[in-house]
């Protein structure tokens, strides 16, 4: 019974130390880098439409896509390699 109580207290102490360490690290990051403003959008969010690469079928965001016009139509590509292979035709 005493052993069980000691194990429980040790586990409780470990969780408490982990919580304190994480809060100290968080406070240090805020002190060094500041807190981001609530109105700032996250940097990794992509807005807009996704287009399917006509060569490999990968979907790519419009603002990240490599664009090329062929036969009066705009095509969106995931990479320069896909664009070049599409524009050069089959067998390349």
N, C-alpha and C. Protein backbone atom coordinates (compact mmCIF):
# COMPACT_ATOMS: atom_id res chain seq x y z
N UNK A 1 0.82 -1.19 0.00
CA UNK A 1 0.00 0.00 0.00
C UNK A 1 0.86 1.26 0.00
N UNK A 2 1.92 1.25 0.82
CA UNK A 2 2.81 2.40 0.89
C UNK A 2 3.55 2.57 -0.44
N UNK A 3 3.92 1.45 -1.07
CA UNK A 3 4.60 1.52 -2.36
C UNK A 3 3.69 2.13 -3.43
N UNK A 4 2.44 1.74 -3.43
CA UNK A 4 1.48 2.29 -4.38
C UNK A 4 1.30 3.79 -4.17
N UNK A 5 1.26 4.22 -2.96
CA UNK A 5 1.13 5.64 -2.64
C UNK A 5 2.36 6.41 -3.11
N UNK A 6 3.53 5.84 -2.92
CA UNK A 6 4.77 6.49 -3.36
C UNK A 6 4.81 6.61 -4.90
N UNK A 7 4.40 5.57 -5.59
CA UNK A 7 4.39 5.60 -7.05
C UNK A 7 3.41 6.67 -7.54
N UNK A 8 2.24 6.75 -6.90
CA UNK A 8 1.25 7.75 -7.27
C UNK A 8 1.80 9.16 -7.05
N UNK A 9 2.44 9.39 -5.95
CA UNK A 9 3.01 10.71 -5.66
C UNK A 9 4.14 11.05 -6.63
N UNK A 10 4.92 10.07 -7.00
CA UNK A 10 6.00 10.30 -7.95
C UNK A 10 5.45 10.67 -9.33
N UNK A 11 4.42 9.97 -9.78
CA UNK A 11 3.80 10.29 -11.06
C UNK A 11 3.18 11.68 -11.00
N UNK A 12 2.52 12.01 -9.92
CA UNK A 12 1.94 13.33 -9.75
C UNK A 12 3.01 14.41 -9.78
N UNK A 13 4.12 14.17 -9.15
CA UNK A 13 5.23 15.12 -9.14
C UNK A 13 5.80 15.31 -10.55
N UNK A 14 5.91 14.23 -11.31
CA UNK A 14 6.42 14.32 -12.67
C UNK A 14 5.49 15.15 -13.56
N UNK A 15 4.20 14.96 -13.43
CA UNK A 15 3.25 15.76 -14.20
C UNK A 15 3.33 17.23 -13.81
N UNK A 16 3.48 17.50 -12.54
CA UNK A 16 3.60 18.88 -12.08
C UNK A 16 4.87 19.53 -12.63
N UNK A 17 5.98 18.83 -12.60
CA UNK A 17 7.23 19.36 -13.14
C UNK A 17 7.13 19.59 -14.64
N UNK A 18 6.47 18.70 -15.35
CA UNK A 18 6.29 18.87 -16.79
C UNK A 18 5.46 20.11 -17.09
N UNK A 19 4.39 20.30 -16.34
CA UNK A 19 3.54 21.48 -16.52
C UNK A 19 4.32 22.76 -16.26
N UNK A 20 5.09 22.80 -15.20
CA UNK A 20 5.88 23.98 -14.87
C UNK A 20 6.92 24.27 -15.94
N UNK A 21 7.58 23.24 -16.43
CA UNK A 21 8.59 23.41 -17.47
C UNK A 21 7.97 23.97 -18.75
N UNK A 22 6.81 23.41 -19.16
CA UNK A 22 6.15 23.88 -20.37
C UNK A 22 5.71 25.33 -20.23
N UNK A 23 5.22 25.72 -19.06
CA UNK A 23 4.80 27.11 -18.89
C UNK A 23 6.00 28.05 -18.91
N UNK A 24 7.13 27.62 -18.36
CA UNK A 24 8.33 28.45 -18.41
C UNK A 24 8.83 28.61 -19.85
N UNK A 25 8.80 27.54 -20.62
CA UNK A 25 9.23 27.60 -22.01
C UNK A 25 8.31 28.51 -22.80
N UNK A 26 7.02 28.41 -22.57
CA UNK A 26 6.06 29.27 -23.27
C UNK A 26 6.29 30.73 -22.94
N UNK A 27 6.50 31.03 -21.68
CA UNK A 27 6.77 32.42 -21.27
C UNK A 27 8.06 32.94 -21.88
N UNK A 28 9.08 32.09 -21.95
CA UNK A 28 10.35 32.50 -22.54
C UNK A 28 10.17 32.79 -24.03
N UNK A 29 9.40 31.97 -24.74
CA UNK A 29 9.16 32.21 -26.16
C UNK A 29 8.42 33.51 -26.38
N UNK A 30 7.44 33.79 -25.54
CA UNK A 30 6.68 35.04 -25.67
C UNK A 30 7.59 36.23 -25.37
N UNK A 31 8.46 36.09 -24.38
CA UNK A 31 9.37 37.18 -24.04
C UNK A 31 10.37 37.44 -25.17
N UNK A 32 10.82 36.38 -25.84
CA UNK A 32 11.80 36.54 -26.91
C UNK A 32 11.18 36.99 -28.23
N UNK A 33 10.06 36.38 -28.60
CA UNK A 33 9.51 36.60 -29.93
C UNK A 33 8.22 37.40 -29.94
N UNK A 34 7.63 37.59 -28.78
CA UNK A 34 6.36 38.32 -28.72
C UNK A 34 5.20 37.44 -29.11
N UNK A 35 4.03 37.87 -28.76
CA UNK A 35 2.82 37.13 -29.09
C UNK A 35 2.29 37.65 -30.42
N UNK A 36 1.90 36.76 -31.35
CA UNK A 36 1.36 37.24 -32.62
C UNK A 36 0.03 37.95 -32.41
N UNK A 37 -0.22 38.96 -33.20
CA UNK A 37 -1.47 39.70 -33.10
C UNK A 37 -2.62 38.81 -33.53
N UNK A 38 -3.77 39.02 -32.90
CA UNK A 38 -4.92 38.19 -33.22
C UNK A 38 -5.41 38.42 -34.64
N UNK A 39 -5.14 39.60 -35.19
CA UNK A 39 -5.62 39.89 -36.54
C UNK A 39 -4.69 39.34 -37.62
N UNK A 40 -3.49 38.91 -37.27
CA UNK A 40 -2.56 38.36 -38.25
C UNK A 40 -3.01 36.97 -38.67
N UNK A 41 -3.16 36.72 -39.97
CA UNK A 41 -3.54 35.37 -40.39
C UNK A 41 -2.34 34.43 -40.24
N UNK A 42 -2.60 33.16 -40.04
CA UNK A 42 -1.49 32.21 -39.97
C UNK A 42 -0.73 32.20 -41.29
N UNK A 43 0.57 31.98 -41.22
CA UNK A 43 1.41 32.05 -42.42
C UNK A 43 1.26 30.83 -43.31
N UNK A 44 0.76 29.73 -42.77
CA UNK A 44 0.70 28.51 -43.57
C UNK A 44 -0.68 28.24 -44.16
N UNK A 45 -1.57 29.23 -44.14
CA UNK A 45 -2.90 29.05 -44.70
C UNK A 45 -2.91 29.52 -46.15
N UNK A 46 -3.41 28.67 -47.01
CA UNK A 46 -3.51 29.00 -48.43
C UNK A 46 -4.97 29.26 -48.73
N UNK A 47 -5.23 30.39 -49.34
CA UNK A 47 -6.60 30.72 -49.72
C UNK A 47 -6.73 30.64 -51.22
N UNK A 48 -7.94 30.63 -51.70
CA UNK A 48 -8.14 30.59 -53.14
C UNK A 48 -8.49 29.20 -53.63
N UNK A 49 -8.39 29.03 -54.94
CA UNK A 49 -8.81 27.78 -55.58
C UNK A 49 -7.65 26.82 -55.76
N UNK A 50 -7.99 25.56 -55.87
CA UNK A 50 -7.02 24.53 -56.21
C UNK A 50 -7.30 24.07 -57.63
N UNK A 51 -6.25 23.82 -58.38
CA UNK A 51 -6.38 23.38 -59.77
C UNK A 51 -5.65 22.05 -59.93
N UNK A 52 -6.16 21.23 -60.82
CA UNK A 52 -5.55 19.93 -61.08
C UNK A 52 -4.52 20.06 -62.18
N UNK A 53 -3.30 19.59 -61.89
CA UNK A 53 -2.23 19.58 -62.87
C UNK A 53 -2.66 18.65 -64.00
N UNK A 54 -2.72 19.13 -65.27
CA UNK A 54 -3.20 18.29 -66.36
C UNK A 54 -2.28 17.12 -66.70
N UNK A 55 -1.04 17.18 -66.25
CA UNK A 55 -0.11 16.11 -66.60
C UNK A 55 -0.10 15.01 -65.54
N UNK A 56 0.13 15.37 -64.28
CA UNK A 56 0.27 14.33 -63.24
C UNK A 56 -0.96 14.18 -62.36
N UNK A 57 -1.90 15.14 -62.43
CA UNK A 57 -3.13 15.02 -61.65
C UNK A 57 -3.05 15.56 -60.23
N UNK A 58 -1.93 16.14 -59.86
CA UNK A 58 -1.78 16.71 -58.52
C UNK A 58 -2.57 18.00 -58.42
N UNK A 59 -3.25 18.17 -57.29
CA UNK A 59 -3.96 19.43 -57.06
C UNK A 59 -2.99 20.43 -56.45
N UNK A 60 -3.02 21.65 -56.97
CA UNK A 60 -2.10 22.68 -56.51
C UNK A 60 -2.88 23.98 -56.32
N UNK A 61 -2.54 24.73 -55.26
CA UNK A 61 -3.20 26.00 -55.00
C UNK A 61 -2.85 27.00 -56.08
N UNK A 62 -3.82 27.82 -56.43
CA UNK A 62 -3.63 28.77 -57.54
C UNK A 62 -2.46 29.71 -57.30
N UNK A 63 -2.28 30.17 -56.06
CA UNK A 63 -1.20 31.12 -55.80
C UNK A 63 0.17 30.45 -55.76
N UNK A 64 0.21 29.14 -55.67
CA UNK A 64 1.50 28.42 -55.68
C UNK A 64 1.79 27.76 -57.02
N UNK A 65 0.81 27.71 -57.88
CA UNK A 65 0.93 26.98 -59.13
C UNK A 65 1.84 27.70 -60.13
N UNK A 66 2.39 26.93 -61.02
CA UNK A 66 3.16 27.45 -62.14
C UNK A 66 2.19 27.50 -63.32
N UNK A 67 1.99 28.68 -63.86
CA UNK A 67 0.97 28.88 -64.88
C UNK A 67 1.59 28.92 -66.27
N UNK A 68 0.85 28.39 -67.21
CA UNK A 68 1.24 28.45 -68.62
C UNK A 68 -0.02 28.53 -69.46
N UNK A 69 0.06 29.25 -70.55
CA UNK A 69 -1.08 29.38 -71.46
C UNK A 69 -0.80 28.58 -72.72
N UNK A 70 -1.74 27.72 -73.08
CA UNK A 70 -1.64 26.93 -74.30
C UNK A 70 -3.01 26.93 -74.96
N UNK A 71 -3.04 27.27 -76.23
CA UNK A 71 -4.28 27.32 -77.02
C UNK A 71 -5.30 28.26 -76.39
N UNK A 72 -4.81 29.36 -75.83
CA UNK A 72 -5.69 30.36 -75.24
C UNK A 72 -6.27 29.98 -73.89
N UNK A 73 -5.81 28.90 -73.31
CA UNK A 73 -6.32 28.45 -72.02
C UNK A 73 -5.18 28.41 -71.01
N UNK A 74 -5.47 28.88 -69.80
CA UNK A 74 -4.47 28.88 -68.73
C UNK A 74 -4.47 27.52 -68.05
N UNK A 75 -3.29 26.94 -67.91
CA UNK A 75 -3.12 25.66 -67.23
C UNK A 75 -2.26 25.90 -65.99
N UNK A 76 -2.53 25.12 -64.95
CA UNK A 76 -1.82 25.25 -63.67
C UNK A 76 -1.05 23.97 -63.41
N UNK A 77 0.24 24.13 -63.06
CA UNK A 77 1.12 22.98 -62.89
C UNK A 77 1.74 22.97 -61.50
N UNK A 78 2.08 21.77 -61.03
CA UNK A 78 2.70 21.64 -59.71
C UNK A 78 4.21 21.89 -59.76
N UNK A 79 4.82 21.75 -60.92
CA UNK A 79 6.27 21.90 -61.02
C UNK A 79 6.65 22.36 -62.43
N UNK A 80 7.85 22.92 -62.56
CA UNK A 80 8.33 23.29 -63.90
C UNK A 80 8.48 22.07 -64.81
N UNK A 81 8.81 20.93 -64.24
CA UNK A 81 8.97 19.71 -65.05
C UNK A 81 7.65 19.31 -65.70
N UNK A 82 6.56 19.35 -64.91
CA UNK A 82 5.25 19.01 -65.47
C UNK A 82 4.85 20.01 -66.55
N UNK A 83 5.10 21.29 -66.30
CA UNK A 83 4.77 22.32 -67.29
C UNK A 83 5.53 22.07 -68.59
N UNK A 84 6.84 21.83 -68.49
CA UNK A 84 7.65 21.64 -69.69
C UNK A 84 7.25 20.40 -70.46
N UNK A 85 6.98 19.31 -69.75
CA UNK A 85 6.55 18.07 -70.42
C UNK A 85 5.21 18.26 -71.11
N UNK A 86 4.31 19.02 -70.49
CA UNK A 86 3.00 19.29 -71.09
C UNK A 86 3.14 20.16 -72.33
N UNK A 87 3.95 21.21 -72.22
CA UNK A 87 4.08 22.13 -73.36
C UNK A 87 4.88 21.52 -74.52
N UNK A 88 5.82 20.63 -74.23
CA UNK A 88 6.62 20.02 -75.28
C UNK A 88 5.92 18.87 -75.97
N UNK A 89 4.83 18.42 -75.43
CA UNK A 89 4.03 17.37 -76.07
C UNK A 89 4.43 15.99 -75.63
N UNK A 90 3.76 14.99 -76.16
CA UNK A 90 4.02 13.59 -75.75
C UNK A 90 5.41 13.12 -76.21
N UNK A 91 5.94 12.19 -75.47
CA UNK A 91 7.22 11.60 -75.83
C UNK A 91 8.43 12.37 -75.33
N UNK A 92 8.22 13.38 -74.46
CA UNK A 92 9.36 14.13 -73.95
C UNK A 92 9.52 13.90 -72.48
